[in-house]
PDB file of all heavy atoms in Angstrom:
ATOM      1  N   THR A   1       0.899 -10.064  -1.090  1.00  0.00           N
ATOM      2  CA  THR A   1       2.103  -9.237  -1.151  1.00  0.00           C
ATOM      3  C   THR A   1       1.930  -8.293  -2.336  1.00  0.00           C
ATOM      4  O   THR A   1       1.779  -8.742  -3.481  1.00  0.00           O
ATOM      5  CB  THR A   1       3.367 -10.089  -1.323  1.00  0.00           C
ATOM      6  OG1 THR A   1       3.489 -10.968  -0.205  1.00  0.00           O
ATOM      7  CG2 THR A   1       4.599  -9.200  -1.412  1.00  0.00           C
ATOM      8  N   VAL A   2       1.904  -6.977  -2.046  1.00  0.00           N
ATOM      9  CA  VAL A   2       1.677  -5.991  -3.105  1.00  0.00           C
ATOM     10  C   VAL A   2       2.767  -4.929  -3.042  1.00  0.00           C
ATOM     11  O   VAL A   2       3.474  -4.779  -2.033  1.00  0.00           O
ATOM     12  CB  VAL A   2       0.298  -5.319  -2.981  1.00  0.00           C
ATOM     13  CG1 VAL A   2      -0.812  -6.330  -3.165  1.00  0.00           C
ATOM     14  CG2 VAL A   2       0.162  -4.586  -1.663  1.00  0.00           C
ATOM     15  N   THR A   3       2.912  -4.164  -4.138  1.00  0.00           N
ATOM     16  CA  THR A   3       3.881  -3.072  -4.208  1.00  0.00           C
ATOM     17  C   THR A   3       3.137  -1.749  -4.147  1.00  0.00           C
ATOM     18  O   THR A   3       2.160  -1.542  -4.869  1.00  0.00           O
ATOM     19  CB  THR A   3       4.702  -3.144  -5.501  1.00  0.00           C
ATOM     20  OG1 THR A   3       5.397  -4.398  -5.548  1.00  0.00           O
ATOM     21  CG2 THR A   3       5.703  -1.995  -5.572  1.00  0.00           C
ATOM     22  N   VAL A   4       3.598  -0.855  -3.295  1.00  0.00           N
ATOM     23  CA  VAL A   4       3.000   0.480  -3.148  1.00  0.00           C
ATOM     24  C   VAL A   4       3.992   1.499  -3.704  1.00  0.00           C
ATOM     25  O   VAL A   4       5.158   1.545  -3.285  1.00  0.00           O
ATOM     26  CB  VAL A   4       2.667   0.796  -1.675  1.00  0.00           C
ATOM     27  CG1 VAL A   4       2.176   2.247  -1.540  1.00  0.00           C
ATOM     28  CG2 VAL A   4       1.620  -0.174  -1.154  1.00  0.00           C
ATOM     29  N   SER A   5       3.524   2.315  -4.638  1.00  0.00           N
ATOM     30  CA  SER A   5       4.370   3.348  -5.245  1.00  0.00           C
ATOM     31  C   SER A   5       3.722   4.710  -4.984  1.00  0.00           C
ATOM     32  O   SER A   5       2.602   4.968  -5.405  1.00  0.00           O
ATOM     33  CB  SER A   5       4.505   3.122  -6.757  1.00  0.00           C
ATOM     34  OG  SER A   5       5.199   4.206  -7.357  1.00  0.00           O
ATOM     35  N   VAL A   6       4.457   5.573  -4.263  1.00  0.00           N
ATOM     36  CA  VAL A   6       3.961   6.920  -3.942  1.00  0.00           C
ATOM     37  C   VAL A   6       4.900   7.927  -4.600  1.00  0.00           C
ATOM     38  O   VAL A   6       6.052   8.074  -4.180  1.00  0.00           O
ATOM     39  CB  VAL A   6       3.890   7.157  -2.432  1.00  0.00           C
ATOM     40  CG1 VAL A   6       3.380   8.579  -2.140  1.00  0.00           C
ATOM     41  CG2 VAL A   6       2.983   6.121  -1.770  1.00  0.00           C
ATOM     42  N   ASP A   7       4.418   8.588  -5.646  1.00  0.00           N
ATOM     43  CA  ASP A   7       5.228   9.559  -6.390  1.00  0.00           C
ATOM     44  C   ASP A   7       6.568   8.956  -6.822  1.00  0.00           C
ATOM     45  O   ASP A   7       7.615   9.606  -6.753  1.00  0.00           O
ATOM     46  CB  ASP A   7       5.459  10.829  -5.573  1.00  0.00           C
ATOM     47  CG  ASP A   7       4.231  11.721  -5.539  1.00  0.00           C
ATOM     48  OD1 ASP A   7       3.354  11.553  -6.418  1.00  0.00           O
ATOM     49  OD2 ASP A   7       4.130  12.580  -4.643  1.00  0.00           O
ATOM     50  N   GLY A   8       6.518   7.665  -7.243  1.00  0.00           N
ATOM     51  CA  GLY A   8       7.722   7.015  -7.748  1.00  0.00           C
ATOM     52  C   GLY A   8       8.528   6.272  -6.713  1.00  0.00           C
ATOM     53  O   GLY A   8       9.413   5.488  -7.060  1.00  0.00           O
ATOM     54  N   ALA A   9       8.270   6.492  -5.423  1.00  0.00           N
ATOM     55  CA  ALA A   9       8.972   5.777  -4.354  1.00  0.00           C
ATOM     56  C   ALA A   9       8.194   4.491  -4.063  1.00  0.00           C
ATOM     57  O   ALA A   9       7.011   4.548  -3.699  1.00  0.00           O
ATOM     58  CB  ALA A   9       9.077   6.643  -3.104  1.00  0.00           C
ATOM     59  N   THR A  10       8.840   3.304  -4.237  1.00  0.00           N
ATOM     60  CA  THR A  10       8.124   2.024  -4.135  1.00  0.00           C
ATOM     61  C   THR A  10       8.627   1.203  -2.956  1.00  0.00           C
ATOM     62  O   THR A  10       9.784   1.327  -2.540  1.00  0.00           O
ATOM     63  CB  THR A  10       8.297   1.208  -5.425  1.00  0.00           C
ATOM     64  OG1 THR A  10       9.693   0.927  -5.617  1.00  0.00           O
ATOM     65  CG2 THR A  10       7.756   1.978  -6.620  1.00  0.00           C
ATOM     66  N   ARG A  11       7.730   0.332  -2.466  1.00  0.00           N
ATOM     67  CA  ARG A  11       8.097  -0.663  -1.441  1.00  0.00           C
ATOM     68  C   ARG A  11       7.032  -1.757  -1.433  1.00  0.00           C
ATOM     69  O   ARG A  11       5.870  -1.507  -1.816  1.00  0.00           O
ATOM     70  CB  ARG A  11       8.236  -0.038  -0.057  1.00  0.00           C
ATOM     71  CG  ARG A  11       6.991   0.621   0.487  1.00  0.00           C
ATOM     72  CD  ARG A  11       7.340   1.400   1.747  1.00  0.00           C
ATOM     73  NE  ARG A  11       6.218   2.179   2.247  1.00  0.00           N
ATOM     74  CZ  ARG A  11       5.433   1.807   3.259  1.00  0.00           C
ATOM     75  NH1 ARG A  11       5.639   0.628   3.871  1.00  0.00           N
ATOM     76  NH2 ARG A  11       4.455   2.576   3.677  1.00  0.00           N
ATOM     77  N   GLU A  12       7.440  -2.950  -0.986  1.00  0.00           N
ATOM     78  CA  GLU A  12       6.516  -4.081  -0.897  1.00  0.00           C
ATOM     79  C   GLU A  12       5.945  -4.162   0.511  1.00  0.00           C
ATOM     80  O   GLU A  12       6.638  -3.875   1.489  1.00  0.00           O
ATOM     81  CB  GLU A  12       7.228  -5.399  -1.230  1.00  0.00           C
ATOM     82  CG  GLU A  12       7.452  -5.616  -2.711  1.00  0.00           C
ATOM     83  CD  GLU A  12       7.928  -7.041  -3.005  1.00  0.00           C
ATOM     84  OE1 GLU A  12       8.233  -7.769  -2.038  1.00  0.00           O
ATOM     85  OE2 GLU A  12       7.978  -7.406  -4.179  1.00  0.00           O
ATOM     86  N   ILE A  13       4.675  -4.568   0.575  1.00  0.00           N
ATOM     87  CA  ILE A  13       4.044  -4.763   1.884  1.00  0.00           C
ATOM     88  C   ILE A  13       3.272  -6.073   1.861  1.00  0.00           C
ATOM     89  O   ILE A  13       2.860  -6.556   0.797  1.00  0.00           O
ATOM     90  CB  ILE A  13       3.089  -3.606   2.247  1.00  0.00           C
ATOM     91  CG1 ILE A  13       1.892  -3.562   1.278  1.00  0.00           C
ATOM     92  CG2 ILE A  13       3.810  -2.259   2.255  1.00  0.00           C
ATOM     93  CD1 ILE A  13       0.764  -2.642   1.755  1.00  0.00           C
ATOM     94  N   SER A  14       3.087  -6.649   3.023  1.00  0.00           N
ATOM     95  CA  SER A  14       2.225  -7.825   3.187  1.00  0.00           C
ATOM     96  C   SER A  14       0.945  -7.356   3.843  1.00  0.00           C
ATOM     97  O   SER A  14       0.984  -6.601   4.833  1.00  0.00           O
ATOM     98  CB  SER A  14       2.909  -8.884   4.056  1.00  0.00           C
ATOM     99  OG  SER A  14       4.051  -9.381   3.409  1.00  0.00           O
ATOM    100  N   THR A  15      -0.196  -7.790   3.304  1.00  0.00           N
ATOM    101  CA  THR A  15      -1.461  -7.256   3.793  1.00  0.00           C
ATOM    102  C   THR A  15      -2.569  -8.275   3.601  1.00  0.00           C
ATOM    103  O   THR A  15      -2.474  -9.172   2.760  1.00  0.00           O
ATOM    104  CB  THR A  15      -1.811  -5.952   3.038  1.00  0.00           C
ATOM    105  OG1 THR A  15      -3.057  -5.472   3.534  1.00  0.00           O
ATOM    106  CG2 THR A  15      -1.921  -6.161   1.548  1.00  0.00           C
ATOM    107  N   PHE A  16      -3.590  -8.134   4.398  1.00  0.00           N
ATOM    108  CA  PHE A  16      -4.818  -8.910   4.231  1.00  0.00           C
ATOM    109  C   PHE A  16      -5.909  -8.047   3.589  1.00  0.00           C
ATOM    110  O   PHE A  16      -7.074  -8.419   3.562  1.00  0.00           O
ATOM    111  CB  PHE A  16      -5.314  -9.429   5.594  1.00  0.00           C
ATOM    112  CG  PHE A  16      -4.434 -10.491   6.187  1.00  0.00           C
ATOM    113  CD1 PHE A  16      -3.444 -10.163   7.102  1.00  0.00           C
ATOM    114  CD2 PHE A  16      -4.590 -11.821   5.823  1.00  0.00           C
ATOM    115  CE1 PHE A  16      -2.640 -11.130   7.651  1.00  0.00           C
ATOM    116  CE2 PHE A  16      -3.786 -12.803   6.375  1.00  0.00           C
ATOM    117  CZ  PHE A  16      -2.795 -12.461   7.291  1.00  0.00           C
ATOM    118  N   ALA A  17      -5.536  -6.847   3.078  1.00  0.00           N
ATOM    119  CA  ALA A  17      -6.512  -5.901   2.523  1.00  0.00           C
ATOM    120  C   ALA A  17      -7.211  -6.488   1.309  1.00  0.00           C
ATOM    121  O   ALA A  17      -6.624  -7.245   0.530  1.00  0.00           O
ATOM    122  CB  ALA A  17      -5.814  -4.597   2.146  1.00  0.00           C
ATOM    123  N   ARG A  18      -8.464  -6.106   1.140  1.00  0.00           N
ATOM    124  CA  ARG A  18      -9.242  -6.555  -0.010  1.00  0.00           C
ATOM    125  C   ARG A  18      -9.213  -5.519  -1.135  1.00  0.00           C
ATOM    126  O   ARG A  18      -9.489  -5.853  -2.277  1.00  0.00           O
ATOM    127  CB  ARG A  18     -10.692  -6.821   0.409  1.00  0.00           C
ATOM    128  CG  ARG A  18     -10.855  -7.990   1.374  1.00  0.00           C
ATOM    129  CD  ARG A  18     -12.324  -8.128   1.789  1.00  0.00           C
ATOM    130  NE  ARG A  18     -12.517  -9.280   2.667  1.00  0.00           N
ATOM    131  CZ  ARG A  18     -12.753 -10.526   2.243  1.00  0.00           C
ATOM    132  NH1 ARG A  18     -12.844 -10.760   0.950  1.00  0.00           N
ATOM    133  NH2 ARG A  18     -12.914 -11.516   3.102  1.00  0.00           N
ATOM    134  N   THR A  19      -8.919  -4.193  -0.804  1.00  0.00           N
ATOM    135  CA  THR A  19      -8.944  -3.136  -1.818  1.00  0.00           C
ATOM    136  C   THR A  19      -7.642  -2.335  -1.739  1.00  0.00           C
ATOM    137  O   THR A  19      -6.950  -2.346  -0.715  1.00  0.00           O
ATOM    138  CB  THR A  19     -10.122  -2.170  -1.585  1.00  0.00           C
ATOM    139  OG1 THR A  19      -9.932  -1.495  -0.337  1.00  0.00           O
ATOM    140  CG2 THR A  19     -11.450  -2.915  -1.582  1.00  0.00           C
ATOM    141  N   PRO A  20      -7.278  -1.611  -2.801  1.00  0.00           N
ATOM    142  CA  PRO A  20      -6.091  -0.746  -2.746  1.00  0.00           C
ATOM    143  C   PRO A  20      -6.167   0.292  -1.640  1.00  0.00           C
ATOM    144  O   PRO A  20      -5.151   0.621  -1.025  1.00  0.00           O
ATOM    145  CB  PRO A  20      -6.080  -0.096  -4.133  1.00  0.00           C
ATOM    146  CG  PRO A  20      -6.752  -1.091  -5.024  1.00  0.00           C
ATOM    147  CD  PRO A  20      -7.831  -1.688  -4.184  1.00  0.00           C
ATOM    148  N   ALA A  21      -7.350   0.821  -1.373  1.00  0.00           N
ATOM    149  CA  ALA A  21      -7.484   1.823  -0.317  1.00  0.00           C
ATOM    150  C   ALA A  21      -7.089   1.238   1.029  1.00  0.00           C
ATOM    151  O   ALA A  21      -6.382   1.879   1.822  1.00  0.00           O
ATOM    152  CB  ALA A  21      -8.919   2.354  -0.280  1.00  0.00           C
ATOM    153  N   GLN A  22      -7.534  -0.053   1.307  1.00  0.00           N
ATOM    154  CA  GLN A  22      -7.176  -0.691   2.565  1.00  0.00           C
ATOM    155  C   GLN A  22      -5.685  -0.985   2.633  1.00  0.00           C
ATOM    156  O   GLN A  22      -5.052  -0.840   3.677  1.00  0.00           O
ATOM    157  CB  GLN A  22      -7.991  -1.979   2.729  1.00  0.00           C
ATOM    158  CG  GLN A  22      -9.486  -1.745   2.907  1.00  0.00           C
ATOM    159  CD  GLN A  22     -10.281  -3.046   2.900  1.00  0.00           C
ATOM    160  OE1 GLN A  22      -9.769  -4.111   2.548  1.00  0.00           O
ATOM    161  NE2 GLN A  22     -11.574  -2.962   3.273  1.00  0.00           N
ATOM    162  N   ALA A  23      -5.097  -1.347   1.505  1.00  0.00           N
ATOM    163  CA  ALA A  23      -3.664  -1.643   1.480  1.00  0.00           C
ATOM    164  C   ALA A  23      -2.843  -0.380   1.745  1.00  0.00           C
ATOM    165  O   ALA A  23      -1.843  -0.410   2.469  1.00  0.00           O
ATOM    166  CB  ALA A  23      -3.286  -2.254   0.125  1.00  0.00           C
ATOM    167  N   LEU A  24      -3.239   0.751   1.155  1.00  0.00           N
ATOM    168  CA  LEU A  24      -2.519   2.015   1.405  1.00  0.00           C
ATOM    169  C   LEU A  24      -2.630   2.399   2.869  1.00  0.00           C
ATOM    170  O   LEU A  24      -1.676   2.905   3.473  1.00  0.00           O
ATOM    171  CB  LEU A  24      -3.082   3.124   0.513  1.00  0.00           C
ATOM    172  CG  LEU A  24      -2.759   3.000  -0.977  1.00  0.00           C
ATOM    173  CD1 LEU A  24      -3.530   4.045  -1.784  1.00  0.00           C
ATOM    174  CD2 LEU A  24      -1.254   3.171  -1.224  1.00  0.00           C
ATOM    175  N   ALA A  25      -3.803   2.169   3.466  1.00  0.00           N
ATOM    176  CA  ALA A  25      -3.972   2.469   4.883  1.00  0.00           C
ATOM    177  C   ALA A  25      -3.062   1.578   5.723  1.00  0.00           C
ATOM    178  O   ALA A  25      -2.435   2.034   6.695  1.00  0.00           O
ATOM    179  CB  ALA A  25      -5.436   2.293   5.286  1.00  0.00           C
ATOM    180  N   ASP A  26      -2.956   0.286   5.359  1.00  0.00           N
ATOM    181  CA  ASP A  26      -2.060  -0.623   6.077  1.00  0.00           C
ATOM    182  C   ASP A  26      -0.608  -0.163   5.956  1.00  0.00           C
ATOM    183  O   ASP A  26       0.196  -0.366   6.873  1.00  0.00           O
ATOM    184  CB  ASP A  26      -2.200  -2.055   5.538  1.00  0.00           C
ATOM    185  CG  ASP A  26      -3.530  -2.694   5.939  1.00  0.00           C
ATOM    186  OD1 ASP A  26      -4.200  -2.129   6.836  1.00  0.00           O
ATOM    187  OD2 ASP A  26      -3.886  -3.724   5.346  1.00  0.00           O
ATOM    188  N   ALA A  27      -0.272   0.462   4.804  1.00  0.00           N
ATOM    189  CA  ALA A  27       1.102   0.918   4.581  1.00  0.00           C
ATOM    190  C   ALA A  27       1.371   2.268   5.229  1.00  0.00           C
ATOM    191  O   ALA A  27       2.482   2.810   5.131  1.00  0.00           O
ATOM    192  CB  ALA A  27       1.380   0.999   3.085  1.00  0.00           C
ATOM    193  N   GLY A  28       0.346   2.852   5.877  1.00  0.00           N
ATOM    194  CA  GLY A  28       0.523   4.149   6.529  1.00  0.00           C
ATOM    195  C   GLY A  28       0.515   5.313   5.560  1.00  0.00           C
ATOM    196  O   GLY A  28       1.031   6.390   5.880  1.00  0.00           O
ATOM    197  N   VAL A  29      -0.069   5.118   4.382  1.00  0.00           N
ATOM    198  CA  VAL A  29      -0.117   6.174   3.369  1.00  0.00           C
ATOM    199  C   VAL A  29      -1.495   6.817   3.416  1.00  0.00           C
ATOM    200  O   VAL A  29      -2.513   6.140   3.253  1.00  0.00           O
ATOM    201  CB  VAL A  29       0.160   5.613   1.955  1.00  0.00           C
ATOM    202  CG1 VAL A  29       0.042   6.733   0.929  1.00  0.00           C
ATOM    203  CG2 VAL A  29       1.539   4.979   1.909  1.00  0.00           C
ATOM    204  N   ARG A  30      -1.513   8.133   3.634  1.00  0.00           N
ATOM    205  CA  ARG A  30      -2.778   8.864   3.671  1.00  0.00           C
ATOM    206  C   ARG A  30      -3.088   9.395   2.279  1.00  0.00           C
ATOM    207  O   ARG A  30      -2.260  10.040   1.653  1.00  0.00           O
ATOM    208  CB  ARG A  30      -2.702  10.012   4.664  1.00  0.00           C
ATOM    209  CG  ARG A  30      -4.014  10.734   4.854  1.00  0.00           C
ATOM    210  CD  ARG A  30      -3.905  11.770   5.948  1.00  0.00           C
ATOM    211  NE  ARG A  30      -5.144  12.488   6.147  1.00  0.00           N
ATOM    212  CZ  ARG A  30      -5.332  13.413   7.066  1.00  0.00           C
ATOM    213  NH1 ARG A  30      -4.320  13.736   7.870  1.00  0.00           N
ATOM    214  NH2 ARG A  30      -6.503  14.021   7.188  1.00  0.00           N
ATOM    215  N   VAL A  31      -4.299   9.139   1.819  1.00  0.00           N
ATOM    216  CA  VAL A  31      -4.706   9.558   0.481  1.00  0.00           C
ATOM    217  C   VAL A  31      -5.487  10.860   0.586  1.00  0.00           C
ATOM    218  O   VAL A  31      -6.497  10.940   1.282  1.00  0.00           O
ATOM    219  CB  VAL A  31      -5.570   8.476  -0.199  1.00  0.00           C
ATOM    220  CG1 VAL A  31      -5.961   8.928  -1.607  1.00  0.00           C
ATOM    221  CG2 VAL A  31      -4.825   7.153  -0.241  1.00  0.00           C
TER     222      VAL A  31
END
């Protein structure tokens, strides 16, 4: 369970990701 903050807007997500890049992708955030 991690917190994703995009330009100050935050939310928690549950993920099996091993890296932050994978977690952002799981959260639907394009980098």
